[in-house]
Amino acid sequence: MESKMLYVGILSKADYIKRTIAIAKGEYKPKEDEPKVWFESIKSLAQVLSNENQELLKTIAEKNPQSLTELEEMTGRKKSNLSRTLKTLERYGIVVLEKDKNMVIPKVQATDFRVEFGFGGTVAA
């Protein structure tokens, strides 16, 4: 399994908005190695990357299911639960859901995570 790094940041919603506005105004240019994906709290990150979801990602990466039905059989999780979880993981750039005919094929985009956060203000400051 090829390792794919995702840079993740923890930033309050207010600080995220300030950062986005500073970028839009040209007052701040994000560095190449800065996070591309942001969570509002460590708790929200922990929910998305729960042990159960990490196992799901590992299963997808190692077994390469070709449909949600196949993934359902591999994991024992209901398709509706898988669909909801995968849509959340897709929103954060952790998986991509490829459409092929009437099938949805999950593909892992990130296997490793670097998390950046602090208490001294915004990352953009």
N, C-alpha and C. Protein backbone atom coordinates (compact mmCIF):
# COMPACT_ATOMS: atom_id res chain seq x y z
N MET A 1 0.86 -1.18 0.00
CA MET A 1 0.00 0.00 0.00
C MET A 1 0.90 1.24 0.00
N GLU A 2 0.69 2.11 -0.97
CA GLU A 2 1.47 3.34 -1.07
C GLU A 2 0.99 4.35 -0.03
N SER A 3 1.93 4.98 0.64
CA SER A 3 1.63 5.97 1.66
C SER A 3 1.32 7.32 1.01
N LYS A 4 0.21 7.94 1.44
CA LYS A 4 -0.19 9.24 0.92
C LYS A 4 -0.45 10.17 2.10
N MET A 5 0.35 11.24 2.23
CA MET A 5 0.26 12.16 3.35
C MET A 5 -0.80 13.23 3.11
N LEU A 6 -1.58 13.53 4.17
CA LEU A 6 -2.54 14.62 4.14
C LEU A 6 -2.19 15.55 5.29
N TYR A 7 -2.00 16.83 4.98
CA TYR A 7 -1.69 17.83 6.00
C TYR A 7 -3.00 18.40 6.52
N VAL A 8 -3.21 18.28 7.83
CA VAL A 8 -4.46 18.65 8.48
C VAL A 8 -4.19 19.72 9.53
N GLY A 9 -5.06 20.71 9.60
CA GLY A 9 -4.93 21.74 10.62
C GLY A 9 -6.17 21.80 11.49
N ILE A 10 -5.95 22.28 12.71
CA ILE A 10 -7.04 22.52 13.66
C ILE A 10 -7.12 24.03 13.84
N LEU A 11 -8.27 24.61 13.54
CA LEU A 11 -8.42 26.05 13.61
C LEU A 11 -9.88 26.36 13.91
N SER A 12 -10.12 27.28 14.84
CA SER A 12 -11.51 27.64 15.16
C SER A 12 -12.17 28.21 13.92
N LYS A 13 -13.48 28.17 13.91
CA LYS A 13 -14.22 28.67 12.76
C LYS A 13 -13.91 30.15 12.53
N ALA A 14 -13.86 30.93 13.61
CA ALA A 14 -13.57 32.37 13.49
C ALA A 14 -12.18 32.58 12.89
N ASP A 15 -11.18 31.85 13.36
CA ASP A 15 -9.83 31.99 12.83
C ASP A 15 -9.74 31.49 11.40
N TYR A 16 -10.49 30.45 11.07
CA TYR A 16 -10.50 29.93 9.70
C TYR A 16 -11.06 31.00 8.75
N ILE A 17 -12.12 31.68 9.17
CA ILE A 17 -12.72 32.74 8.36
C ILE A 17 -11.72 33.89 8.18
N LYS A 18 -11.05 34.29 9.27
CA LYS A 18 -10.04 35.36 9.18
C LYS A 18 -8.93 34.96 8.20
N ARG A 19 -8.49 33.72 8.29
CA ARG A 19 -7.42 33.22 7.42
C ARG A 19 -7.86 33.24 5.96
N THR A 20 -9.07 32.77 5.70
CA THR A 20 -9.60 32.74 4.34
C THR A 20 -9.71 34.14 3.75
N ILE A 21 -10.17 35.09 4.55
CA ILE A 21 -10.30 36.48 4.09
C ILE A 21 -8.92 37.06 3.80
N ALA A 22 -7.95 36.80 4.67
CA ALA A 22 -6.58 37.30 4.46
C ALA A 22 -5.99 36.73 3.16
N ILE A 23 -6.28 35.47 2.88
CA ILE A 23 -5.79 34.85 1.64
C ILE A 23 -6.48 35.51 0.44
N ALA A 24 -7.80 35.69 0.53
CA ALA A 24 -8.56 36.29 -0.57
C ALA A 24 -8.10 37.72 -0.87
N LYS A 25 -7.73 38.47 0.18
CA LYS A 25 -7.27 39.85 0.02
C LYS A 25 -5.81 39.93 -0.43
N GLY A 26 -5.14 38.79 -0.45
CA GLY A 26 -3.73 38.79 -0.82
C GLY A 26 -2.81 39.19 0.31
N GLU A 27 -3.35 39.26 1.52
CA GLU A 27 -2.56 39.65 2.70
C GLU A 27 -1.76 38.48 3.25
N TYR A 28 -2.16 37.28 2.88
CA TYR A 28 -1.47 36.08 3.37
C TYR A 28 -1.41 35.05 2.26
N LYS A 29 -0.23 34.49 2.06
CA LYS A 29 -0.06 33.43 1.06
C LYS A 29 0.31 32.16 1.81
N PRO A 30 -0.54 31.13 1.76
CA PRO A 30 -0.23 29.89 2.48
C PRO A 30 1.06 29.27 1.97
N LYS A 31 1.83 28.74 2.90
CA LYS A 31 3.07 28.05 2.54
C LYS A 31 2.74 26.68 1.95
N GLU A 32 3.66 26.15 1.17
CA GLU A 32 3.48 24.87 0.48
C GLU A 32 3.15 23.74 1.46
N ASP A 33 3.79 23.75 2.63
CA ASP A 33 3.63 22.64 3.58
C ASP A 33 2.53 22.88 4.62
N GLU A 34 1.72 23.92 4.43
CA GLU A 34 0.63 24.17 5.36
C GLU A 34 -0.53 23.21 5.10
N PRO A 35 -1.34 22.99 6.12
CA PRO A 35 -2.51 22.11 5.94
C PRO A 35 -3.42 22.60 4.82
N LYS A 36 -4.00 21.63 4.13
CA LYS A 36 -4.97 21.92 3.07
C LYS A 36 -6.39 21.61 3.56
N VAL A 37 -6.46 20.82 4.62
CA VAL A 37 -7.73 20.40 5.20
C VAL A 37 -7.79 20.90 6.63
N TRP A 38 -8.93 21.48 7.01
CA TRP A 38 -9.05 22.08 8.34
C TRP A 38 -10.22 21.49 9.11
N PHE A 39 -9.98 21.25 10.39
CA PHE A 39 -11.02 20.82 11.33
C PHE A 39 -11.17 21.91 12.37
N GLU A 40 -12.37 22.02 12.92
CA GLU A 40 -12.65 23.05 13.91
C GLU A 40 -12.10 22.71 15.29
N SER A 41 -11.90 21.40 15.54
CA SER A 41 -11.40 20.99 16.85
C SER A 41 -10.73 19.62 16.74
N ILE A 42 -9.96 19.31 17.75
CA ILE A 42 -9.35 17.98 17.81
C ILE A 42 -10.45 16.93 17.92
N LYS A 43 -11.52 17.29 18.62
CA LYS A 43 -12.65 16.36 18.77
C LYS A 43 -13.26 16.01 17.41
N SER A 44 -13.45 17.01 16.55
CA SER A 44 -14.04 16.72 15.23
C SER A 44 -13.09 15.89 14.38
N LEU A 45 -11.79 16.15 14.49
CA LEU A 45 -10.80 15.32 13.79
C LEU A 45 -10.87 13.88 14.29
N ALA A 46 -10.96 13.72 15.61
CA ALA A 46 -11.02 12.37 16.20
C ALA A 46 -12.28 11.62 15.77
N GLN A 47 -13.37 12.32 15.57
CA GLN A 47 -14.60 11.67 15.12
C GLN A 47 -14.45 11.17 13.69
N VAL A 48 -13.86 11.99 12.84
CA VAL A 48 -13.70 11.60 11.43
C VAL A 48 -12.68 10.47 11.30
N LEU A 49 -11.60 10.54 12.08
CA LEU A 49 -10.55 9.51 12.01
C LEU A 49 -10.63 8.56 13.20
N SER A 50 -11.84 8.17 13.55
CA SER A 50 -12.05 7.21 14.65
C SER A 50 -11.39 5.88 14.30
N ASN A 51 -11.20 5.05 15.30
CA ASN A 51 -10.61 3.72 15.06
C ASN A 51 -11.41 2.95 14.01
N GLU A 52 -12.73 3.03 14.10
CA GLU A 52 -13.61 2.33 13.15
C GLU A 52 -13.38 2.85 11.72
N ASN A 53 -13.25 4.17 11.57
CA ASN A 53 -13.03 4.73 10.24
C ASN A 53 -11.62 4.44 9.72
N GLN A 54 -10.65 4.38 10.63
CA GLN A 54 -9.30 4.01 10.21
C GLN A 54 -9.29 2.57 9.69
N GLU A 55 -10.02 1.69 10.34
CA GLU A 55 -10.13 0.30 9.86
C GLU A 55 -10.80 0.25 8.50
N LEU A 56 -11.83 1.09 8.32
CA LEU A 56 -12.52 1.17 7.03
C LEU A 56 -11.54 1.61 5.94
N LEU A 57 -10.77 2.65 6.21
CA LEU A 57 -9.79 3.14 5.24
C LEU A 57 -8.76 2.08 4.91
N LYS A 58 -8.31 1.36 5.92
CA LYS A 58 -7.32 0.29 5.72
C LYS A 58 -7.90 -0.81 4.83
N THR A 59 -9.15 -1.18 5.08
CA THR A 59 -9.83 -2.20 4.28
C THR A 59 -9.92 -1.75 2.81
N ILE A 60 -10.32 -0.50 2.61
CA ILE A 60 -10.45 0.02 1.24
C ILE A 60 -9.08 0.01 0.55
N ALA A 61 -8.07 0.50 1.24
CA ALA A 61 -6.73 0.60 0.66
C ALA A 61 -6.14 -0.77 0.33
N GLU A 62 -6.36 -1.74 1.22
CA GLU A 62 -5.75 -3.06 1.04
C GLU A 62 -6.55 -3.97 0.11
N LYS A 63 -7.89 -3.89 0.17
CA LYS A 63 -8.72 -4.85 -0.56
C LYS A 63 -9.35 -4.28 -1.83
N ASN A 64 -9.29 -2.95 -2.00
CA ASN A 64 -9.73 -2.32 -3.22
C ASN A 64 -11.14 -2.75 -3.67
N PRO A 65 -12.15 -2.54 -2.84
CA PRO A 65 -13.51 -2.94 -3.24
C PRO A 65 -13.97 -2.15 -4.46
N GLN A 66 -14.75 -2.80 -5.30
CA GLN A 66 -15.22 -2.18 -6.54
C GLN A 66 -16.66 -1.68 -6.46
N SER A 67 -17.24 -1.72 -5.24
CA SER A 67 -18.58 -1.17 -5.04
C SER A 67 -18.84 -1.05 -3.53
N LEU A 68 -19.88 -0.30 -3.18
CA LEU A 68 -20.27 -0.21 -1.77
C LEU A 68 -20.81 -1.54 -1.28
N THR A 69 -21.45 -2.29 -2.16
CA THR A 69 -21.96 -3.62 -1.79
C THR A 69 -20.80 -4.53 -1.40
N GLU A 70 -19.75 -4.50 -2.18
CA GLU A 70 -18.56 -5.30 -1.89
C GLU A 70 -17.93 -4.85 -0.56
N LEU A 71 -17.87 -3.54 -0.34
CA LEU A 71 -17.31 -3.01 0.91
C LEU A 71 -18.19 -3.40 2.09
N GLU A 72 -19.49 -3.39 1.88
CA GLU A 72 -20.44 -3.80 2.92
C GLU A 72 -20.16 -5.25 3.34
N GLU A 73 -19.93 -6.12 2.36
CA GLU A 73 -19.62 -7.53 2.65
C GLU A 73 -18.29 -7.67 3.38
N MET A 74 -17.31 -6.87 3.00
CA MET A 74 -15.98 -6.94 3.62
C MET A 74 -15.96 -6.46 5.07
N THR A 75 -16.80 -5.45 5.36
CA THR A 75 -16.74 -4.81 6.68
C THR A 75 -17.87 -5.20 7.63
N GLY A 76 -18.99 -5.67 7.07
CA GLY A 76 -20.14 -5.96 7.91
C GLY A 76 -20.93 -4.71 8.28
N ARG A 77 -20.55 -3.58 7.73
CA ARG A 77 -21.27 -2.32 7.98
C ARG A 77 -22.35 -2.14 6.92
N LYS A 78 -23.49 -1.62 7.31
CA LYS A 78 -24.60 -1.38 6.39
C LYS A 78 -24.22 -0.33 5.34
N LYS A 79 -24.75 -0.51 4.15
CA LYS A 79 -24.43 0.38 3.03
C LYS A 79 -24.78 1.84 3.35
N SER A 80 -25.91 2.07 4.04
CA SER A 80 -26.32 3.45 4.37
C SER A 80 -25.30 4.08 5.32
N ASN A 81 -24.79 3.31 6.27
CA ASN A 81 -23.77 3.80 7.20
C ASN A 81 -22.47 4.08 6.45
N LEU A 82 -22.09 3.16 5.58
CA LEU A 82 -20.87 3.33 4.79
C LEU A 82 -20.96 4.57 3.91
N SER A 83 -22.08 4.75 3.26
CA SER A 83 -22.28 5.88 2.36
C SER A 83 -22.12 7.20 3.11
N ARG A 84 -22.75 7.30 4.26
CA ARG A 84 -22.67 8.52 5.08
C ARG A 84 -21.23 8.78 5.52
N THR A 85 -20.56 7.73 6.01
CA THR A 85 -19.18 7.86 6.47
C THR A 85 -18.25 8.24 5.32
N LEU A 86 -18.41 7.59 4.18
CA LEU A 86 -17.55 7.86 3.04
C LEU A 86 -17.75 9.28 2.49
N LYS A 87 -18.99 9.79 2.54
CA LYS A 87 -19.24 11.16 2.09
C LYS A 87 -18.53 12.15 3.01
N THR A 88 -18.52 11.87 4.30
CA THR A 88 -17.80 12.72 5.25
C THR A 88 -16.30 12.66 4.97
N LEU A 89 -15.76 11.45 4.78
CA LEU A 89 -14.34 11.29 4.49
C LEU A 89 -13.97 11.97 3.16
N GLU A 90 -14.89 11.93 2.20
CA GLU A 90 -14.65 12.59 0.92
C GLU A 90 -14.60 14.11 1.09
N ARG A 91 -15.47 14.64 1.91
CA ARG A 91 -15.51 16.09 2.16
C ARG A 91 -14.17 16.61 2.68
N TYR A 92 -13.46 15.76 3.42
CA TYR A 92 -12.16 16.14 3.98
C TYR A 92 -10.99 15.70 3.09
N GLY A 93 -11.28 15.16 1.92
CA GLY A 93 -10.21 14.78 1.00
C GLY A 93 -9.49 13.50 1.36
N ILE A 94 -10.09 12.70 2.23
CA ILE A 94 -9.46 11.45 2.69
C ILE A 94 -9.77 10.31 1.73
N VAL A 95 -10.94 10.33 1.13
CA VAL A 95 -11.30 9.36 0.09
C VAL A 95 -11.89 10.12 -1.10
N VAL A 96 -11.95 9.44 -2.21
CA VAL A 96 -12.68 9.94 -3.37
C VAL A 96 -13.66 8.83 -3.74
N LEU A 97 -14.87 9.23 -4.12
CA LEU A 97 -15.89 8.25 -4.52
C LEU A 97 -16.06 8.35 -6.02
N GLU A 98 -15.48 7.38 -6.72
CA GLU A 98 -15.54 7.36 -8.18
C GLU A 98 -16.85 6.72 -8.62
N LYS A 99 -17.46 7.31 -9.62
CA LYS A 99 -18.71 6.77 -10.16
C LYS A 99 -18.39 5.99 -11.43
N ASP A 100 -18.89 4.76 -11.50
CA ASP A 100 -18.71 3.93 -12.70
C ASP A 100 -20.03 3.21 -12.95
N LYS A 101 -20.73 3.65 -13.98
CA LYS A 101 -22.08 3.15 -14.26
C LYS A 101 -22.95 3.43 -13.05
N ASN A 102 -23.54 2.40 -12.44
CA ASN A 102 -24.37 2.60 -11.26
C ASN A 102 -23.62 2.29 -9.97
N MET A 103 -22.30 2.15 -10.08
CA MET A 103 -21.48 1.77 -8.92
C MET A 103 -20.75 2.99 -8.37
N VAL A 104 -20.54 2.97 -7.05
CA VAL A 104 -19.69 3.95 -6.39
C VAL A 104 -18.48 3.17 -5.88
N ILE A 105 -17.29 3.59 -6.32
CA ILE A 105 -16.06 2.89 -5.96
C ILE A 105 -15.23 3.79 -5.05
N PRO A 106 -15.06 3.42 -3.78
CA PRO A 106 -14.26 4.25 -2.87
C PRO A 106 -12.77 4.03 -3.09
N LYS A 107 -12.02 5.13 -3.11
CA LYS A 107 -10.56 5.09 -3.25
C LYS A 107 -9.95 5.95 -2.15
N VAL A 108 -8.98 5.40 -1.44
CA VAL A 108 -8.31 6.14 -0.37
C VAL A 108 -7.34 7.14 -0.97
N GLN A 109 -7.43 8.38 -0.51
CA GLN A 109 -6.55 9.44 -0.96
C GLN A 109 -5.46 9.77 0.07
N ALA A 110 -5.69 9.39 1.33
CA ALA A 110 -4.72 9.69 2.39
C ALA A 110 -4.61 8.50 3.34
N THR A 111 -3.38 8.08 3.57
CA THR A 111 -3.13 6.98 4.50
C THR A 111 -2.37 7.45 5.73
N ASP A 112 -1.73 8.61 5.62
CA ASP A 112 -0.96 9.17 6.73
C ASP A 112 -1.37 10.63 6.92
N PHE A 113 -1.31 11.10 8.16
CA PHE A 113 -1.80 12.43 8.48
C PHE A 113 -0.78 13.19 9.31
N ARG A 114 -0.54 14.44 8.94
CA ARG A 114 0.27 15.33 9.75
C ARG A 114 -0.68 16.41 10.24
N VAL A 115 -0.78 16.55 11.57
CA VAL A 115 -1.73 17.49 12.16
C VAL A 115 -0.97 18.67 12.75
N GLU A 116 -1.46 19.87 12.46
CA GLU A 116 -0.83 21.10 12.93
C GLU A 116 -1.87 21.92 13.71
N PHE A 117 -1.49 22.30 14.92
CA PHE A 117 -2.36 23.20 15.68
C PHE A 117 -1.54 23.85 16.77
N GLY A 118 -2.10 24.89 17.36
CA GLY A 118 -1.43 25.58 18.44
C GLY A 118 -2.41 26.44 19.20
N PHE A 119 -1.91 27.12 20.20
CA PHE A 119 -2.77 27.96 21.04
C PHE A 119 -2.42 29.43 20.90
N GLY A 120 -1.45 29.75 20.05
CA GLY A 120 -0.96 31.12 19.96
C GLY A 120 -1.66 31.99 18.94
N GLY A 121 -2.81 31.63 18.49
CA GLY A 121 -3.51 32.43 17.48
C GLY A 121 -3.67 31.65 16.21
N THR A 122 -3.91 32.34 15.14
CA THR A 122 -4.17 31.68 13.88
C THR A 122 -2.88 31.19 13.25
N VAL A 123 -2.99 30.20 12.42
CA VAL A 123 -1.85 29.67 11.67
C VAL A 123 -1.33 30.76 10.73
N ALA A 124 -2.25 31.58 10.23
CA ALA A 124 -1.87 32.59 9.24
C ALA A 124 -1.19 33.80 9.85
N ALA A 125 -1.23 33.95 11.14
CA ALA A 125 -0.68 35.15 11.79
C ALA A 125 0.82 35.22 11.65
